[in-house]
């Protein structure tokens, strides 16, 4: 990752090419960043959401705007990926605007 804060995807594949376990890791990680809405239902943050790659690997999409709101949460997600040796793929601003 560069020092500039940017949107990125944490892919559930280690740098050695192994699938990250447990299989629901992305939902658990996004659950940490979720909150109760006005309807008393848990909702994922609009800045951290689960996803899936074209190859079917679980992923977590992190919006760079999270850093402006809560820098420690942004750093936590970056450190989670680094600590677990997970692949991080940057998203350029042209892609995230679509």
PDB file of N, CA and C in Angstrom:
ATOM      1  N   UNK A   1       0.845  -1.187   0.000  1.00  0.00           N
ATOM      2  CA  UNK A   1       0.000   0.000   0.000  1.00  0.00           C
ATOM      3  C   UNK A   1       0.886   1.245   0.000  1.00  0.00           C
ATOM      4  N   UNK A   2       0.388   2.247  -0.646  1.00  0.00           N
ATOM      5  CA  UNK A   2       1.103   3.507  -0.618  1.00  0.00           C
ATOM      6  C   UNK A   2       0.715   4.270   0.642  1.00  0.00           C
ATOM      7  N   UNK A   3       1.439   5.344   0.914  1.00  0.00           N
ATOM      8  CA  UNK A   3       1.128   6.129   2.100  1.00  0.00           C
ATOM      9  C   UNK A   3      -0.143   6.955   1.907  1.00  0.00           C
ATOM     10  N   UNK A   4      -0.516   7.242   0.645  1.00  0.00           N
ATOM     11  CA  UNK A   4      -1.751   7.967   0.381  1.00  0.00           C
ATOM     12  C   UNK A   4      -2.929   7.062   0.720  1.00  0.00           C
ATOM     13  N   UNK A   5      -3.888   7.594   1.451  1.00  0.00           N
ATOM     14  CA  UNK A   5      -5.054   6.800   1.797  1.00  0.00           C
ATOM     15  C   UNK A   5      -5.917   6.635   0.559  1.00  0.00           C
ATOM     16  N   UNK A   6      -6.237   5.391   0.253  1.00  0.00           N
ATOM     17  CA  UNK A   6      -7.040   5.115  -0.918  1.00  0.00           C
ATOM     18  C   UNK A   6      -7.965   3.942  -0.654  1.00  0.00           C
ATOM     19  N   UNK A   7      -8.964   3.805  -1.485  1.00  0.00           N
ATOM     20  CA  UNK A   7      -9.859   2.665  -1.375  1.00  0.00           C
ATOM     21  C   UNK A   7      -9.097   1.413  -1.779  1.00  0.00           C
ATOM     22  N   UNK A   8      -9.468   0.297  -1.152  1.00  0.00           N
ATOM     23  CA  UNK A   8      -8.791  -0.958  -1.474  1.00  0.00           C
ATOM     24  C   UNK A   8      -9.689  -2.143  -1.171  1.00  0.00           C
ATOM     25  N   UNK A   9      -9.268  -3.296  -1.666  1.00  0.00           N
ATOM     26  CA  UNK A   9      -9.984  -4.543  -1.438  1.00  0.00           C
ATOM     27  C   UNK A   9      -9.035  -5.498  -0.728  1.00  0.00           C
ATOM     28  N   UNK A  10      -9.509  -6.063   0.377  1.00  0.00           N
ATOM     29  CA  UNK A  10      -8.770  -7.132   1.051  1.00  0.00           C
ATOM     30  C   UNK A  10      -9.317  -8.430   0.476  1.00  0.00           C
ATOM     31  N   UNK A  11      -8.461  -9.192  -0.178  1.00  0.00           N
ATOM     32  CA  UNK A  11      -8.869 -10.443  -0.807  1.00  0.00           C
ATOM     33  C   UNK A  11      -8.536 -11.594   0.131  1.00  0.00           C
ATOM     34  N   UNK A  12      -9.451 -12.537   0.258  1.00  0.00           N
ATOM     35  CA  UNK A  12      -9.291 -13.662   1.169  1.00  0.00           C
ATOM     36  C   UNK A  12      -8.355 -14.739   0.666  1.00  0.00           C
ATOM     37  N   UNK A  13      -7.235 -14.310   0.101  1.00  0.00           N
ATOM     38  CA  UNK A  13      -6.193 -15.223  -0.362  1.00  0.00           C
ATOM     39  C   UNK A  13      -4.873 -14.690   0.181  1.00  0.00           C
ATOM     40  N   UNK A  14      -4.107 -15.574   0.822  1.00  0.00           N
ATOM     41  CA  UNK A  14      -2.820 -15.130   1.363  1.00  0.00           C
ATOM     42  C   UNK A  14      -1.841 -14.879   0.223  1.00  0.00           C
ATOM     43  N   UNK A  15      -0.757 -14.228   0.539  1.00  0.00           N
ATOM     44  CA  UNK A  15       0.267 -13.948  -0.467  1.00  0.00           C
ATOM     45  C   UNK A  15       0.901 -15.232  -0.991  1.00  0.00           C
ATOM     46  N   UNK A  16       0.726 -16.332  -0.253  1.00  0.00           N
ATOM     47  CA  UNK A  16       1.220 -17.639  -0.708  1.00  0.00           C
ATOM     48  C   UNK A  16       0.193 -18.366  -1.573  1.00  0.00           C
ATOM     49  N   UNK A  17      -1.000 -17.770  -1.728  1.00  0.00           N
ATOM     50  CA  UNK A  17      -2.019 -18.350  -2.589  1.00  0.00           C
ATOM     51  C   UNK A  17      -3.033 -19.248  -1.890  1.00  0.00           C
ATOM     52  N   UNK A  18      -3.024 -19.296  -0.558  1.00  0.00           N
ATOM     53  CA  UNK A  18      -3.989 -20.125   0.185  1.00  0.00           C
ATOM     54  C   UNK A  18      -5.231 -19.317   0.530  1.00  0.00           C
ATOM     55  N   UNK A  19      -6.389 -20.006   0.542  1.00  0.00           N
ATOM     56  CA  UNK A  19      -7.630 -19.352   0.966  1.00  0.00           C
ATOM     57  C   UNK A  19      -7.562 -19.060   2.459  1.00  0.00           C
ATOM     58  N   UNK A  20      -8.037 -17.891   2.841  1.00  0.00           N
ATOM     59  CA  UNK A  20      -8.038 -17.490   4.239  1.00  0.00           C
ATOM     60  C   UNK A  20      -9.239 -18.117   4.940  1.00  0.00           C
ATOM     61  N   UNK A  21      -9.025 -18.594   6.123  1.00  0.00           N
ATOM     62  CA  UNK A  21     -10.079 -19.229   6.921  1.00  0.00           C
ATOM     63  C   UNK A  21     -10.284 -18.463   8.207  1.00  0.00           C
ATOM     64  N   UNK A  22     -11.452 -18.457   8.813  1.00  0.00           N
ATOM     65  CA  UNK A  22     -12.649 -19.220   8.458  1.00  0.00           C
ATOM     66  C   UNK A  22     -13.318 -18.638   7.219  1.00  0.00           C
ATOM     67  N   UNK A  23     -14.211 -19.408   6.627  1.00  0.00           N
ATOM     68  CA  UNK A  23     -14.822 -19.006   5.363  1.00  0.00           C
ATOM     69  C   UNK A  23     -15.695 -17.755   5.502  1.00  0.00           C
ATOM     70  N   UNK A  24     -16.156 -17.436   6.706  1.00  0.00           N
ATOM     71  CA  UNK A  24     -16.999 -16.245   6.892  1.00  0.00           C
ATOM     72  C   UNK A  24     -16.210 -15.043   7.425  1.00  0.00           C
ATOM     73  N   UNK A  25     -14.906 -15.035   7.195  1.00  0.00           N
ATOM     74  CA  UNK A  25     -14.045 -13.978   7.732  1.00  0.00           C
ATOM     75  C   UNK A  25     -14.500 -12.585   7.266  1.00  0.00           C
ATOM     76  N   UNK A  26     -14.923 -12.462   6.006  1.00  0.00           N
ATOM     77  CA  UNK A  26     -15.308 -11.145   5.476  1.00  0.00           C
ATOM     78  C   UNK A  26     -16.557 -10.616   6.191  1.00  0.00           C
ATOM     79  N   UNK A  27     -17.523 -11.503   6.423  1.00  0.00           N
ATOM     80  CA  UNK A  27     -18.732 -11.083   7.135  1.00  0.00           C
ATOM     81  C   UNK A  27     -18.410 -10.694   8.571  1.00  0.00           C
ATOM     82  N   UNK A  28     -17.533 -11.438   9.199  1.00  0.00           N
ATOM     83  CA  UNK A  28     -17.141 -11.114  10.584  1.00  0.00           C
ATOM     84  C   UNK A  28     -16.433  -9.768  10.653  1.00  0.00           C
ATOM     85  N   UNK A  29     -15.499  -9.545   9.717  1.00  0.00           N
ATOM     86  CA  UNK A  29     -14.747  -8.289   9.714  1.00  0.00           C
ATOM     87  C   UNK A  29     -15.675  -7.104   9.456  1.00  0.00           C
ATOM     88  N   UNK A  30     -16.587  -7.247   8.513  1.00  0.00           N
ATOM     89  CA  UNK A  30     -17.541  -6.165   8.238  1.00  0.00           C
ATOM     90  C   UNK A  30     -18.514  -5.990   9.399  1.00  0.00           C
ATOM     91  N   UNK A  31     -18.800  -7.070  10.106  1.00  0.00           N
ATOM     92  CA  UNK A  31     -19.678  -6.985  11.270  1.00  0.00           C
ATOM     93  C   UNK A  31     -19.095  -6.120  12.370  1.00  0.00           C
ATOM     94  N   UNK A  32     -17.782  -6.114  12.488  1.00  0.00           N
ATOM     95  CA  UNK A  32     -17.116  -5.260  13.472  1.00  0.00           C
ATOM     96  C   UNK A  32     -17.408  -3.788  13.185  1.00  0.00           C
ATOM     97  N   UNK A  33     -17.523  -3.447  11.918  1.00  0.00           N
ATOM     98  CA  UNK A  33     -17.729  -2.065  11.502  1.00  0.00           C
ATOM     99  C   UNK A  33     -19.206  -1.718  11.306  1.00  0.00           C
ATOM    100  N   UNK A  34     -20.105  -2.639  11.612  1.00  0.00           N
ATOM    101  CA  UNK A  34     -21.533  -2.389  11.409  1.00  0.00           C
ATOM    102  C   UNK A  34     -22.143  -1.701  12.629  1.00  0.00           C
ATOM    103  N   UNK A  35     -23.378  -1.221  12.451  1.00  0.00           N
ATOM    104  CA  UNK A  35     -24.086  -0.532  13.537  1.00  0.00           C
ATOM    105  C   UNK A  35     -25.583  -0.750  13.369  1.00  0.00           C
ATOM    106  N   UNK A  36     -26.320  -0.510  14.441  1.00  0.00           N
ATOM    107  CA  UNK A  36     -27.772  -0.605  14.373  1.00  0.00           C
ATOM    108  C   UNK A  36     -28.333   0.646  13.707  1.00  0.00           C
ATOM    109  N   UNK A  37     -29.275   0.440  12.786  1.00  0.00           N
ATOM    110  CA  UNK A  37     -29.943   1.542  12.115  1.00  0.00           C
ATOM    111  C   UNK A  37     -31.176   1.978  12.891  1.00  0.00           C
ATOM    112  N   UNK A  38     -31.896   2.943  12.353  1.00  0.00           N
ATOM    113  CA  UNK A  38     -33.108   3.459  12.993  1.00  0.00           C
ATOM    114  C   UNK A  38     -34.189   2.389  13.105  1.00  0.00           C
ATOM    115  N   UNK A  39     -34.118   1.378  12.239  1.00  0.00           N
ATOM    116  CA  UNK A  39     -35.106   0.298  12.261  1.00  0.00           C
ATOM    117  C   UNK A  39     -34.686  -0.856  13.177  1.00  0.00           C
ATOM    118  N   UNK A  40     -33.664  -0.611  14.013  1.00  0.00           N
ATOM    119  CA  UNK A  40     -33.151  -1.602  14.964  1.00  0.00           C
ATOM    120  C   UNK A  40     -32.592  -2.856  14.300  1.00  0.00           C
ATOM    121  N   UNK A  41     -32.088  -2.710  13.085  1.00  0.00           N
ATOM    122  CA  UNK A  41     -31.439  -3.809  12.379  1.00  0.00           C
ATOM    123  C   UNK A  41     -29.976  -3.454  12.159  1.00  0.00           C
ATOM    124  N   UNK A  42     -29.143  -4.479  12.242  1.00  0.00           N
ATOM    125  CA  UNK A  42     -27.719  -4.258  11.979  1.00  0.00           C
ATOM    126  C   UNK A  42     -27.526  -3.953  10.498  1.00  0.00           C
ATOM    127  N   UNK A  43     -26.690  -2.961  10.219  1.00  0.00           N
ATOM    128  CA  UNK A  43     -26.385  -2.587   8.837  1.00  0.00           C
ATOM    129  C   UNK A  43     -24.882  -2.450   8.695  1.00  0.00           C
ATOM    130  N   UNK A  44     -24.375  -2.975   7.578  1.00  0.00           N
ATOM    131  CA  UNK A  44     -22.960  -2.792   7.284  1.00  0.00           C
ATOM    132  C   UNK A  44     -22.663  -1.315   7.072  1.00  0.00           C
ATOM    133  N   UNK A  45     -21.468  -0.933   7.397  1.00  0.00           N
ATOM    134  CA  UNK A  45     -21.017   0.424   7.134  1.00  0.00           C
ATOM    135  C   UNK A  45     -20.977   0.646   5.624  1.00  0.00           C
ATOM    136  N   UNK A  46     -21.315   1.842   5.166  1.00  0.00           N
ATOM    137  CA  UNK A  46     -21.189   2.109   3.728  1.00  0.00           C
ATOM    138  C   UNK A  46     -19.719   2.185   3.288  1.00  0.00           C
ATOM    139  N   UNK A  47     -18.808   2.200   4.240  1.00  0.00           N
ATOM    140  CA  UNK A  47     -17.387   2.321   3.932  1.00  0.00           C
ATOM    141  C   UNK A  47     -16.632   0.993   4.009  1.00  0.00           C
ATOM    142  N   UNK A  48     -17.257  -0.032   4.575  1.00  0.00           N
ATOM    143  CA  UNK A  48     -16.623  -1.351   4.718  1.00  0.00           C
ATOM    144  C   UNK A  48     -17.696  -2.389   4.439  1.00  0.00           C
ATOM    145  N   UNK A  49     -17.558  -3.088   3.317  1.00  0.00           N
ATOM    146  CA  UNK A  49     -18.594  -4.059   2.972  1.00  0.00           C
ATOM    147  C   UNK A  49     -17.992  -5.330   2.383  1.00  0.00           C
ATOM    148  N   UNK A  50     -18.668  -6.448   2.599  1.00  0.00           N
ATOM    149  CA  UNK A  50     -18.160  -7.701   2.046  1.00  0.00           C
ATOM    150  C   UNK A  50     -18.365  -7.729   0.537  1.00  0.00           C
ATOM    151  N   UNK A  51     -17.543  -8.505  -0.103  1.00  0.00           N
ATOM    152  CA  UNK A  51     -17.649  -8.642  -1.549  1.00  0.00           C
ATOM    153  C   UNK A  51     -17.102  -9.990  -1.986  1.00  0.00           C
ATOM    154  N   UNK A  52     -16.947 -10.122  -3.273  1.00  0.00           N
ATOM    155  CA  UNK A  52     -16.454 -11.363  -3.850  1.00  0.00           C
ATOM    156  C   UNK A  52     -15.693 -11.002  -5.121  1.00  0.00           C
ATOM    157  N   UNK A  53     -14.571 -11.654  -5.350  1.00  0.00           N
ATOM    158  CA  UNK A  53     -13.798 -11.392  -6.560  1.00  0.00           C
ATOM    159  C   UNK A  53     -14.387 -12.170  -7.729  1.00  0.00           C
ATOM    160  N   UNK A  54     -13.910 -11.911  -8.919  1.00  0.00           N
ATOM    161  CA  UNK A  54     -14.383 -12.636 -10.095  1.00  0.00           C
ATOM    162  C   UNK A  54     -14.047 -14.122 -10.014  1.00  0.00           C
ATOM    163  N   UNK A  55     -13.026 -14.465  -9.246  1.00  0.00           N
ATOM    164  CA  UNK A  55     -12.660 -15.876  -9.098  1.00  0.00           C
ATOM    165  C   UNK A  55     -13.377 -16.540  -7.933  1.00  0.00           C
ATOM    166  N   UNK A  56     -14.277 -15.798  -7.260  1.00  0.00           N
ATOM    167  CA  UNK A  56     -15.072 -16.366  -6.183  1.00  0.00           C
ATOM    168  C   UNK A  56     -14.465 -16.262  -4.804  1.00  0.00           C
ATOM    169  N   UNK A  57     -13.357 -15.545  -4.676  1.00  0.00           N
ATOM    170  CA  UNK A  57     -12.726 -15.377  -3.368  1.00  0.00           C
ATOM    171  C   UNK A  57     -13.465 -14.308  -2.566  1.00  0.00           C
ATOM    172  N   UNK A  58     -13.659 -14.574  -1.279  1.00  0.00           N
ATOM    173  CA  UNK A  58     -14.287 -13.590  -0.389  1.00  0.00           C
ATOM    174  C   UNK A  58     -13.381 -12.363  -0.316  1.00  0.00           C
ATOM    175  N   UNK A  59     -13.995 -11.218  -0.110  1.00  0.00           N
ATOM    176  CA  UNK A  59     -13.215  -9.985  -0.014  1.00  0.00           C
ATOM    177  C   UNK A  59     -13.961  -8.967   0.840  1.00  0.00           C
ATOM    178  N   UNK A  60     -13.228  -7.929   1.215  1.00  0.00           N
ATOM    179  CA  UNK A  60     -13.799  -6.788   1.930  1.00  0.00           C
ATOM    180  C   UNK A  60     -13.365  -5.534   1.181  1.00  0.00           C
ATOM    181  N   UNK A  61     -14.344  -4.721   0.813  1.00  0.00           N
ATOM    182  CA  UNK A  61     -14.087  -3.475   0.094  1.00  0.00           C
ATOM    183  C   UNK A  61     -14.061  -2.349   1.117  1.00  0.00           C
ATOM    184  N   UNK A  62     -12.965  -1.599   1.132  1.00  0.00           N
ATOM    185  CA  UNK A  62     -12.788  -0.503   2.092  1.00  0.00           C
ATOM    186  C   UNK A  62     -12.723   0.812   1.315  1.00  0.00           C
ATOM    187  N   UNK A  63     -13.617   1.713   1.649  1.00  0.00           N
ATOM    188  CA  UNK A  63     -13.673   3.026   1.018  1.00  0.00           C
ATOM    189  C   UNK A  63     -12.683   3.956   1.719  1.00  0.00           C
ATOM    190  N   UNK A  64     -11.921   4.700   0.943  1.00  0.00           N
ATOM    191  CA  UNK A  64     -10.914   5.613   1.501  1.00  0.00           C
ATOM    192  C   UNK A  64     -11.530   6.676   2.402  1.00  0.00           C
ATOM    193  N   UNK A  65     -12.799   7.006   2.208  1.00  0.00           N
ATOM    194  CA  UNK A  65     -13.450   8.030   3.038  1.00  0.00           C
ATOM    195  C   UNK A  65     -13.526   7.613   4.505  1.00  0.00           C
ATOM    196  N   UNK A  66     -13.378   6.311   4.767  1.00  0.00           N
ATOM    197  CA  UNK A  66     -13.369   5.836   6.151  1.00  0.00           C
ATOM    198  C   UNK A  66     -12.250   6.515   6.936  1.00  0.00           C
ATOM    199  N   UNK A  67     -11.118   6.752   6.289  1.00  0.00           N
ATOM    200  CA  UNK A  67      -9.988   7.386   6.969  1.00  0.00           C
ATOM    201  C   UNK A  67     -10.356   8.771   7.495  1.00  0.00           C
ATOM    202  N   UNK A  68     -11.137   9.512   6.724  1.00  0.00           N
ATOM    203  CA  UNK A  68     -11.544  10.860   7.145  1.00  0.00           C
ATOM    204  C   UNK A  68     -12.469  10.818   8.353  1.00  0.00           C
ATOM    205  N   UNK A  69     -13.280   9.768   8.445  1.00  0.00           N
ATOM    206  CA  UNK A  69     -14.251   9.648   9.529  1.00  0.00           C
ATOM    207  C   UNK A  69     -13.636   9.005  10.764  1.00  0.00           C
ATOM    208  N   UNK A  70     -12.891   7.911  10.539  1.00  0.00           N
ATOM    209  CA  UNK A  70     -12.308   7.151  11.647  1.00  0.00           C
ATOM    210  C   UNK A  70     -10.969   6.545  11.221  1.00  0.00           C
ATOM    211  N   UNK A  71      -9.879   7.317  11.351  1.00  0.00           N
ATOM    212  CA  UNK A  71      -8.578   6.833  10.895  1.00  0.00           C
ATOM    213  C   UNK A  71      -8.125   5.540  11.577  1.00  0.00           C
ATOM    214  N   UNK A  72      -8.484   5.346  12.845  1.00  0.00           N
ATOM    215  CA  UNK A  72      -8.066   4.115  13.526  1.00  0.00           C
ATOM    216  C   UNK A  72      -8.735   2.882  12.930  1.00  0.00           C
ATOM    217  N   UNK A  73      -9.973   3.013  12.498  1.00  0.00           N
ATOM    218  CA  UNK A  73     -10.672   1.889  11.860  1.00  0.00           C
ATOM    219  C   UNK A  73     -10.011   1.557  10.523  1.00  0.00           C
ATOM    220  N   UNK A  74      -9.660   2.576   9.760  1.00  0.00           N
ATOM    221  CA  UNK A  74      -8.977   2.379   8.479  1.00  0.00           C
ATOM    222  C   UNK A  74      -7.647   1.657   8.707  1.00  0.00           C
ATOM    223  N   UNK A  75      -6.881   2.139   9.679  1.00  0.00           N
ATOM    224  CA  UNK A  75      -5.586   1.516   9.983  1.00  0.00           C
ATOM    225  C   UNK A  75      -5.763   0.094  10.501  1.00  0.00           C
ATOM    226  N   UNK A  76      -6.823  -0.148  11.288  1.00  0.00           N
ATOM    227  CA  UNK A  76      -7.103  -1.495  11.772  1.00  0.00           C
ATOM    228  C   UNK A  76      -7.284  -2.462  10.605  1.00  0.00           C
ATOM    229  N   UNK A  77      -8.025  -2.044   9.580  1.00  0.00           N
ATOM    230  CA  UNK A  77      -8.272  -2.914   8.429  1.00  0.00           C
ATOM    231  C   UNK A  77      -6.994  -3.172   7.638  1.00  0.00           C
ATOM    232  N   UNK A  78      -6.181  -2.146   7.476  1.00  0.00           N
ATOM    233  CA  UNK A  78      -4.891  -2.323   6.792  1.00  0.00           C
ATOM    234  C   UNK A  78      -4.018  -3.289   7.589  1.00  0.00           C
ATOM    235  N   UNK A  79      -3.962  -3.095   8.908  1.00  0.00           N
ATOM    236  CA  UNK A  79      -3.146  -3.970   9.753  1.00  0.00           C
ATOM    237  C   UNK A  79      -3.693  -5.398   9.789  1.00  0.00           C
ATOM    238  N   UNK A  80      -5.017  -5.565   9.765  1.00  0.00           N
ATOM    239  CA  UNK A  80      -5.615  -6.900   9.727  1.00  0.00           C
ATOM    240  C   UNK A  80      -5.114  -7.655   8.501  1.00  0.00           C
ATOM    241  N   UNK A  81      -5.152  -6.986   7.357  1.00  0.00           N
ATOM    242  CA  UNK A  81      -4.688  -7.623   6.124  1.00  0.00           C
ATOM    243  C   UNK A  81      -3.205  -7.959   6.213  1.00  0.00           C
ATOM    244  N   UNK A  82      -2.395  -7.026   6.693  1.00  0.00           N
ATOM    245  CA  UNK A  82      -0.950  -7.268   6.812  1.00  0.00           C
ATOM    246  C   UNK A  82      -0.651  -8.381   7.814  1.00  0.00           C
ATOM    247  N   UNK A  83      -1.300  -8.341   8.970  1.00  0.00           N
ATOM    248  CA  UNK A  83      -1.052  -9.344  10.011  1.00  0.00           C
ATOM    249  C   UNK A  83      -1.417 -10.751   9.560  1.00  0.00           C
ATOM    250  N   UNK A  84      -2.430 -10.861   8.693  1.00  0.00           N
ATOM    251  CA  UNK A  84      -2.878 -12.167   8.220  1.00  0.00           C
ATOM    252  C   UNK A  84      -2.335 -12.512   6.833  1.00  0.00           C
ATOM    253  N   UNK A  85      -1.392 -11.690   6.373  1.00  0.00           N
ATOM    254  CA  UNK A  85      -0.694 -11.947   5.117  1.00  0.00           C
ATOM    255  C   UNK A  85      -1.656 -12.000   3.926  1.00  0.00           C
ATOM    256  N   UNK A  86      -2.708 -11.172   3.964  1.00  0.00           N
ATOM    257  CA  UNK A  86      -3.712 -11.174   2.914  1.00  0.00           C
ATOM    258  C   UNK A  86      -3.349 -10.203   1.794  1.00  0.00           C
ATOM    259  N   UNK A  87      -3.847 -10.507   0.627  1.00  0.00           N
ATOM    260  CA  UNK A  87      -3.622  -9.677  -0.545  1.00  0.00           C
ATOM    261  C   UNK A  87      -4.467  -8.403  -0.445  1.00  0.00           C
ATOM    262  N   UNK A  88      -3.842  -7.268  -0.723  1.00  0.00           N
ATOM    263  CA  UNK A  88      -4.547  -5.985  -0.768  1.00  0.00           C
ATOM    264  C   UNK A  88      -4.443  -5.468  -2.193  1.00  0.00           C
ATOM    265  N   UNK A  89      -5.601  -5.170  -2.778  1.00  0.00           N
ATOM    266  CA  UNK A  89      -5.631  -4.621  -4.130  1.00  0.00           C
ATOM    267  C   UNK A  89      -6.176  -3.205  -4.081  1.00  0.00           C
ATOM    268  N   UNK A  90      -5.388  -2.214  -4.494  1.00  0.00           N
ATOM    269  CA  UNK A  90      -5.875  -0.832  -4.482  1.00  0.00           C
ATOM    270  C   UNK A  90      -6.980  -0.640  -5.520  1.00  0.00           C
ATOM    271  N   UNK A  91      -7.868   0.281  -5.231  1.00  0.00           N
ATOM    272  CA  UNK A  91      -8.913   0.680  -6.176  1.00  0.00           C
ATOM    273  C   UNK A  91      -8.622   2.117  -6.556  1.00  0.00           C
ATOM    274  N   UNK A  92      -8.461   2.381  -7.846  1.00  0.00           N
ATOM    275  CA  UNK A  92      -8.199   3.773  -8.204  1.00  0.00           C
ATOM    276  C   UNK A  92      -9.498   4.556  -8.165  1.00  0.00           C
ATOM    277  N   UNK A  93      -9.383   5.861  -8.040  1.00  0.00           N
ATOM    278  CA  UNK A  93     -10.556   6.721  -7.830  1.00  0.00           C
ATOM    279  C   UNK A  93     -11.522   6.677  -9.002  1.00  0.00           C
ATOM    280  N   UNK A  94     -11.056   6.405 -10.213  1.00  0.00           N
ATOM    281  CA  UNK A  94     -11.949   6.328 -11.370  1.00  0.00           C
ATOM    282  C   UNK A  94     -12.872   5.115 -11.249  1.00  0.00           C
ATOM    283  N   UNK A  95     -12.372   4.006 -10.722  1.00  0.00           N
ATOM    284  CA  UNK A  95     -13.183   2.804 -10.552  1.00  0.00           C
ATOM    285  C   UNK A  95     -14.194   2.988  -9.444  1.00  0.00           C
ATOM    286  N   UNK A  96     -13.797   3.602  -8.334  1.00  0.00           N
ATOM    287  CA  UNK A  96     -14.692   3.718  -7.190  1.00  0.00           C
ATOM    288  C   UNK A  96     -15.827   4.716  -7.428  1.00  0.00           C
ATOM    289  N   UNK A  97     -15.692   5.588  -8.422  1.00  0.00           N
ATOM    290  CA  UNK A  97     -16.727   6.564  -8.710  1.00  0.00           C
ATOM    291  C   UNK A  97     -17.890   5.973  -9.500  1.00  0.00           C
ATOM    292  N   UNK A  98     -17.697   4.778 -10.055  1.00  0.00           N
ATOM    293  CA  UNK A  98     -18.745   4.151 -10.875  1.00  0.00           C
ATOM    294  C   UNK A  98     -19.860   3.622 -10.030  1.00  0.00           C
TER     295      UNK A  98
END
